[in-house]
């Protein structure tokens, strides 16, 4: 016997909810896991001998001696460390420059609670390595490695009005998504699939070659912003 109408409606609710989850554009908050792993795989190559030794000493056993394995960690704990959520980004009020005193705060107005403030904070904590300290330097390292990756994703320092591109709906090939997610995940996933034979390690090696080859002449230009008033962080 078929259930009465009100029971049929209740049975449909879980299905409708699941469909909404599948069809809704994903909300992205940081580089995807692959992006953070690649950033740290490349960064490890440029560590000085002293810095590399300190990193090895601070890594948790679960990392297996690889910094890249813990670089997604800050995303994984943000639901446990609720206070850390605003540390992944910085917003500006519809202007194309970042001003620390104006823009680095959380929704409650607490200063220093943005990705730039987090980088400053955890860098300062790590300077105490080798000394007596109350800081958890393992977590400081994992936060710093993650946030340096975040700040280099263009939409992690974006307009407050569109939430860093999260509210800008676009189509990436056939998939409906948002602009932030395209930068976080879609570009990297598509590149790995279409140009690097589905191998993240192959893409990492190609990027390393560009850093020492094709892009090496650009380093001086990257380090000096000609239009500092418009394009560079003031702190």
Protein backbone atom coordinates (compact mmCIF):
# COMPACT_ATOMS: atom_id res chain seq x y z
CA UNK A 1 0.00 0.00 0.00
CA UNK A 2 1.36 3.43 -0.95
CA UNK A 3 2.14 5.83 1.93
CA UNK A 4 -0.19 8.82 2.41
CA UNK A 5 0.74 12.12 0.67
CA UNK A 6 2.34 13.77 3.71
CA UNK A 7 4.61 10.75 4.24
CA UNK A 8 5.56 10.71 0.54
CA UNK A 9 6.58 14.36 0.86
CA UNK A 10 8.77 13.56 3.87
CA UNK A 11 10.43 10.74 1.95
CA UNK A 12 11.29 13.17 -0.86
CA UNK A 13 13.05 15.70 1.41
CA UNK A 14 16.38 13.78 1.65
CA UNK A 15 16.44 13.32 -2.14
CA UNK A 16 15.72 17.01 -2.78
CA UNK A 17 18.42 18.03 -0.28
CA UNK A 18 20.96 15.74 -1.96
CA UNK A 19 20.14 17.16 -5.39
CA UNK A 20 20.58 20.70 -4.09
CA UNK A 21 24.02 19.81 -2.74
CA UNK A 22 25.05 18.27 -6.05
CA UNK A 23 23.75 21.12 -8.20
CA UNK A 24 24.84 24.05 -6.06
CA UNK A 25 28.11 25.73 -7.05
CA UNK A 26 30.85 24.75 -4.58
CA UNK A 27 32.03 27.41 -2.14
CA UNK A 28 35.80 27.46 -2.08
CA UNK A 29 37.95 28.93 0.65
CA UNK A 30 41.54 28.07 -0.26
CA UNK A 31 43.73 26.37 -2.83
CA UNK A 32 42.54 22.81 -3.22
CA UNK A 33 44.61 20.08 -1.61
CA UNK A 34 46.67 19.59 -4.77
CA UNK A 35 47.51 23.28 -5.01
CA UNK A 36 48.88 23.43 -1.47
CA UNK A 37 50.87 20.23 -1.90
CA UNK A 38 52.47 21.56 -5.09
CA UNK A 39 53.33 24.92 -3.52
CA UNK A 40 55.17 23.17 -0.69
CA UNK A 41 56.88 20.61 -2.92
CA UNK A 42 58.38 23.50 -4.87
CA UNK A 43 59.18 25.56 -1.75
CA UNK A 44 61.10 22.68 -0.14
CA UNK A 45 63.66 22.87 -2.93
CA UNK A 46 64.53 26.46 -1.99
CA UNK A 47 64.98 25.97 1.76
CA UNK A 48 68.44 26.69 3.11
CA UNK A 49 70.21 23.82 4.86
CA UNK A 50 69.48 25.41 8.25
CA UNK A 51 65.82 26.01 7.43
CA UNK A 52 65.40 22.48 6.05
CA UNK A 53 66.82 21.01 9.27
CA UNK A 54 64.42 23.10 11.37
CA UNK A 55 61.47 22.01 9.21
CA UNK A 56 62.42 18.36 9.63
CA UNK A 57 62.64 18.80 13.39
CA UNK A 58 59.21 20.44 13.58
CA UNK A 59 57.24 18.19 11.24
CA UNK A 60 54.88 15.71 12.93
CA UNK A 61 55.69 12.02 12.52
CA UNK A 62 52.65 11.62 10.27
CA UNK A 63 54.33 13.85 7.66
CA UNK A 64 56.94 11.21 6.86
CA UNK A 65 59.58 13.91 6.53
CA UNK A 66 57.68 15.72 3.75
CA UNK A 67 56.52 19.30 4.34
CA UNK A 68 54.08 19.02 1.44
CA UNK A 69 52.02 16.36 3.21
CA UNK A 70 50.97 18.80 5.95
CA UNK A 71 50.38 21.87 3.78
CA UNK A 72 46.61 21.22 3.41
CA UNK A 73 46.34 20.82 7.22
CA UNK A 74 45.08 24.35 7.94
CA UNK A 75 42.01 23.68 5.78
CA UNK A 76 41.36 20.38 7.52
CA UNK A 77 41.29 21.95 11.01
CA UNK A 78 39.40 25.16 10.27
CA UNK A 79 36.12 23.64 11.49
CA UNK A 80 37.85 22.74 14.78
CA UNK A 81 39.83 25.98 15.02
CA UNK A 82 36.90 28.24 14.12
CA UNK A 83 38.94 31.35 14.88
CA UNK A 84 41.34 30.50 12.03
CA UNK A 85 38.80 30.81 9.20
CA UNK A 86 39.45 34.52 8.41
CA UNK A 87 43.21 33.88 8.39
CA UNK A 88 42.96 32.32 4.93
CA UNK A 89 42.19 35.57 3.09
CA UNK A 90 41.97 39.35 3.18
CA UNK A 91 39.22 41.53 1.74
CA UNK A 92 39.40 45.02 0.30
CA UNK A 93 36.49 47.47 -0.10
CA UNK A 94 36.21 47.55 -3.90
CA UNK A 95 39.72 48.97 -4.35
CA UNK A 96 42.69 47.35 -6.07
CA UNK A 97 45.16 47.85 -3.25
CA UNK A 98 45.58 46.25 0.15
CA UNK A 99 46.07 48.40 3.23
CA UNK A 100 46.94 46.47 6.37
CA UNK A 101 45.45 48.92 8.87
CA UNK A 102 42.19 49.09 6.93
CA UNK A 103 41.77 45.56 5.60
CA UNK A 104 43.38 43.10 8.01
CA UNK A 105 40.62 42.20 10.47
CA UNK A 106 37.90 39.61 10.99
CA UNK A 107 34.13 40.14 10.95
CA UNK A 108 34.27 41.37 14.56
CA UNK A 109 36.85 44.01 13.69
CA UNK A 110 39.74 42.27 15.49
CA UNK A 111 42.97 43.54 13.95
CA UNK A 112 45.56 41.22 12.44
CA UNK A 113 42.99 38.54 11.65
CA UNK A 114 43.67 38.07 7.94
CA UNK A 115 46.11 36.07 5.84
CA UNK A 116 48.79 38.78 5.93
CA UNK A 117 48.49 39.12 9.70
CA UNK A 118 48.68 35.33 10.03
CA UNK A 119 51.88 35.17 7.97
CA UNK A 120 53.42 37.89 10.13
CA UNK A 121 52.31 36.16 13.33
CA UNK A 122 53.49 32.63 12.53
CA UNK A 123 56.75 33.88 11.04
CA UNK A 124 57.43 35.72 14.29
CA UNK A 125 56.61 32.60 16.31
CA UNK A 126 58.99 30.47 14.26
CA UNK A 127 61.82 32.91 14.97
CA UNK A 128 61.71 31.50 18.52
CA UNK A 129 62.78 28.06 17.25
CA UNK A 130 65.67 26.76 19.34
CA UNK A 131 64.65 28.87 22.32
CA UNK A 132 62.30 28.20 25.21
CA UNK A 133 58.84 29.06 23.95
CA UNK A 134 55.18 28.46 24.76
CA UNK A 135 54.24 28.33 21.07
CA UNK A 136 53.34 25.10 19.31
CA UNK A 137 55.91 25.57 16.56
CA UNK A 138 54.77 22.49 14.66
CA UNK A 139 51.37 24.10 14.17
CA UNK A 140 53.04 27.46 13.46
CA UNK A 141 54.99 25.82 10.63
CA UNK A 142 51.93 24.10 9.17
CA UNK A 143 49.87 27.29 9.34
CA UNK A 144 52.63 29.37 7.74
CA UNK A 145 53.23 26.91 4.90
CA UNK A 146 49.52 26.93 4.14
CA UNK A 147 48.92 30.67 4.37
CA UNK A 148 51.88 31.56 2.15
CA UNK A 149 50.17 29.39 -0.46
CA UNK A 150 46.80 31.05 0.16
CA UNK A 151 48.07 34.60 -0.22
CA UNK A 152 49.37 33.76 -3.70
CA UNK A 153 45.93 32.72 -4.92
CA UNK A 154 44.72 35.98 -6.51
CA UNK A 155 41.19 35.83 -5.11
CA UNK A 156 42.39 35.34 -1.54
CA UNK A 157 43.01 39.07 -1.51
CA UNK A 158 39.86 40.22 -3.24
CA UNK A 159 36.73 42.29 -2.96
CA UNK A 160 34.65 41.94 0.17
CA UNK A 161 31.49 42.54 -1.87
CA UNK A 162 31.81 39.32 -3.90
CA UNK A 163 33.56 37.34 -1.14
CA UNK A 164 36.71 36.88 -3.16
CA UNK A 165 34.82 35.68 -6.22
CA UNK A 166 32.72 33.13 -4.32
CA UNK A 167 29.48 34.83 -5.38
CA UNK A 168 30.49 35.23 -9.05
CA UNK A 169 28.89 32.31 -10.88
CA UNK A 170 30.73 31.05 -13.98
CA UNK A 171 30.92 27.95 -16.14
CA UNK A 172 34.18 26.03 -16.31
CA UNK A 173 33.68 24.01 -19.46
CA UNK A 174 30.35 22.27 -18.72
CA UNK A 175 30.34 22.69 -14.96
CA UNK A 176 28.59 25.51 -13.16
CA UNK A 177 30.78 26.82 -10.37
CA UNK A 178 32.11 30.09 -8.97
CA UNK A 179 35.15 32.14 -9.90
CA UNK A 180 36.96 31.41 -6.64
CA UNK A 181 36.60 27.67 -7.13
CA UNK A 182 37.97 27.97 -10.67
CA UNK A 183 41.17 29.48 -9.30
CA UNK A 184 41.35 27.16 -6.29
CA UNK A 185 40.72 23.84 -7.97
CA UNK A 186 39.48 23.80 -11.56
CA UNK A 187 42.50 25.34 -13.30
CA UNK A 188 44.91 23.00 -11.50
CA UNK A 189 42.79 19.87 -11.99
CA UNK A 190 42.32 20.60 -15.69
CA UNK A 191 46.02 21.33 -16.22
CA UNK A 192 47.07 18.09 -14.50
CA UNK A 193 44.58 16.12 -16.59
CA UNK A 194 45.12 17.77 -19.99
CA UNK A 195 48.81 18.71 -19.98
CA UNK A 196 50.60 16.53 -17.43
CA UNK A 197 49.17 13.06 -18.04
CA UNK A 198 47.16 13.19 -14.80
CA UNK A 199 50.38 13.42 -12.78
CA UNK A 200 50.77 16.12 -10.14
CA UNK A 201 54.47 15.28 -9.80
CA UNK A 202 54.99 15.87 -13.53
CA UNK A 203 53.37 19.30 -13.22
CA UNK A 204 55.54 20.13 -10.20
CA UNK A 205 58.70 19.24 -12.12
CA UNK A 206 57.57 21.39 -15.06
CA UNK A 207 56.99 24.34 -12.73
CA UNK A 208 60.42 23.85 -11.15
CA UNK A 209 62.01 23.94 -14.61
CA UNK A 210 60.19 27.18 -15.41
CA UNK A 211 61.37 28.74 -12.16
CA UNK A 212 65.01 28.02 -13.00
CA UNK A 213 64.60 28.54 -16.73
CA UNK A 214 61.86 30.51 -18.44
CA UNK A 215 60.80 32.56 -15.41
CA UNK A 216 64.18 33.11 -13.76
CA UNK A 217 64.71 36.42 -15.56
CA UNK A 218 61.44 37.74 -14.11
CA UNK A 219 62.40 37.37 -10.44
CA UNK A 220 63.81 40.88 -10.10
CA UNK A 221 60.65 42.28 -11.66
CA UNK A 222 58.45 40.29 -9.25
CA UNK A 223 60.40 41.61 -6.27
CA UNK A 224 59.92 45.25 -7.24
CA UNK A 225 56.46 46.65 -7.94
CA UNK A 226 56.65 49.72 -10.16
CA UNK A 227 53.20 50.87 -9.11
CA UNK A 228 53.54 50.11 -5.43
CA UNK A 229 50.72 52.45 -4.48
CA UNK A 230 48.27 50.35 -6.51
CA UNK A 231 49.49 46.78 -6.49
CA UNK A 232 51.63 45.96 -3.46
CA UNK A 233 50.72 45.39 0.15
CA UNK A 234 51.90 48.31 2.25
CA UNK A 235 53.13 46.00 5.03
